[in-house]
Amino acid sequence: MSEQRRSEQAQEQSPVVTLLKAHWITIVLALLAITFIAQNTDDLHLRLLWMTFTAPLWLALTPVALIGVAVGWMLKRRSVRRNLG
């Protein structure tokens, strides 16, 4: 009887709880990255090819984090395609 009750409770979980259970490590890493970026606000001298400019560090870290997310998403998508085909 207790086994049936557990399966009923598992089916009744909210979508938010299911999402948190499935992606908790991703959520924790995202929060750490956001905290790191928010705390690093000093100015930074950047050089890109022949250009040199000064910008806040968070402005340099944010695109790098977004590029990392995009690369991870593309690699995961590629892996899923390979497994299906």
Protein backbone atom coordinates (compact mmCIF):
# COMPACT_ATOMS: atom_id res chain seq x y z
CA MET A 1 0.00 0.00 0.00
CA SER A 2 2.81 2.43 0.81
CA GLU A 3 4.36 1.86 -2.64
CA GLN A 4 1.13 2.96 -4.31
CA ARG A 5 0.96 6.05 -2.11
CA ARG A 6 4.54 7.01 -3.04
CA SER A 7 3.79 6.73 -6.75
CA GLU A 8 0.67 8.89 -6.32
CA GLN A 9 2.70 11.54 -4.48
CA ALA A 10 5.34 11.50 -7.20
CA GLN A 11 2.67 12.11 -9.82
CA GLU A 12 1.21 15.00 -7.80
CA GLN A 13 4.48 16.97 -7.56
CA SER A 14 4.33 20.45 -8.94
CA PRO A 15 6.25 21.21 -12.14
CA VAL A 16 8.50 23.58 -10.19
CA VAL A 17 9.60 20.82 -7.81
CA THR A 18 10.23 18.49 -10.74
CA LEU A 19 12.31 21.18 -12.49
CA LEU A 20 14.34 21.85 -9.34
CA LYS A 21 15.05 18.15 -8.82
CA ALA A 22 16.15 17.67 -12.41
CA HIS A 23 18.31 20.79 -12.78
CA TRP A 24 19.50 21.73 -9.29
CA ILE A 25 23.21 21.76 -10.17
CA THR A 26 22.58 24.03 -13.15
CA ILE A 27 20.57 26.42 -11.00
CA VAL A 28 23.28 26.54 -8.31
CA LEU A 29 26.02 27.19 -10.89
CA ALA A 30 23.96 29.92 -12.55
CA LEU A 31 23.40 31.63 -9.19
CA LEU A 32 27.13 31.43 -8.41
CA ALA A 33 28.00 32.92 -11.81
CA ILE A 34 25.49 35.76 -11.36
CA THR A 35 26.85 36.49 -7.87
CA PHE A 36 30.45 36.47 -9.15
CA ILE A 37 29.61 38.84 -12.00
CA ALA A 38 27.60 41.17 -9.74
CA GLN A 39 30.44 41.46 -7.22
CA ASN A 40 33.15 42.24 -9.78
CA THR A 41 32.41 45.80 -10.81
CA ASP A 42 35.92 47.27 -11.04
CA ASP A 43 37.08 48.84 -14.29
CA LEU A 44 39.17 46.76 -16.63
CA HIS A 45 41.40 47.69 -19.56
CA LEU A 46 40.53 45.39 -22.45
CA ARG A 47 42.41 44.81 -25.69
CA LEU A 48 40.73 43.18 -28.66
CA LEU A 49 42.92 42.97 -31.75
CA TRP A 50 43.99 46.59 -32.30
CA MET A 51 41.37 48.22 -30.04
CA THR A 52 41.86 49.12 -26.39
CA PHE A 53 39.03 50.25 -24.16
CA THR A 54 38.02 50.48 -20.53
CA ALA A 55 34.85 48.79 -19.26
CA PRO A 56 33.45 47.44 -16.02
CA LEU A 57 34.55 43.86 -15.37
CA TRP A 58 30.94 42.65 -15.22
CA LEU A 59 30.51 43.85 -18.80
CA ALA A 60 33.38 41.61 -19.88
CA LEU A 61 32.30 38.61 -17.77
CA THR A 62 28.66 38.57 -18.88
CA PRO A 63 29.30 37.85 -22.59
CA VAL A 64 31.85 35.18 -21.65
CA ALA A 65 29.27 33.48 -19.42
CA LEU A 66 26.64 33.71 -22.16
CA ILE A 67 29.07 32.22 -24.69
CA GLY A 68 29.69 29.35 -22.25
CA VAL A 69 25.95 28.74 -21.93
CA ALA A 70 25.53 28.79 -25.71
CA VAL A 71 28.41 26.34 -26.25
CA GLY A 72 27.04 24.00 -23.58
CA TRP A 73 23.58 24.13 -25.13
CA MET A 74 24.95 23.38 -28.60
CA LEU A 75 27.05 20.46 -27.34
CA LYS A 76 24.10 18.97 -25.49
CA ARG A 77 21.92 19.37 -28.56
CA ARG A 78 24.57 17.69 -30.71
CA SER A 79 24.84 14.82 -28.23
CA VAL A 80 21.08 14.29 -28.27
CA ARG A 81 21.05 14.23 -32.08
CA ARG A 82 23.85 11.64 -32.17
CA ASN A 83 22.02 9.42 -29.71
CA LEU A 84 18.77 9.63 -31.70
CA GLY A 85 20.27 9.07 -35.13
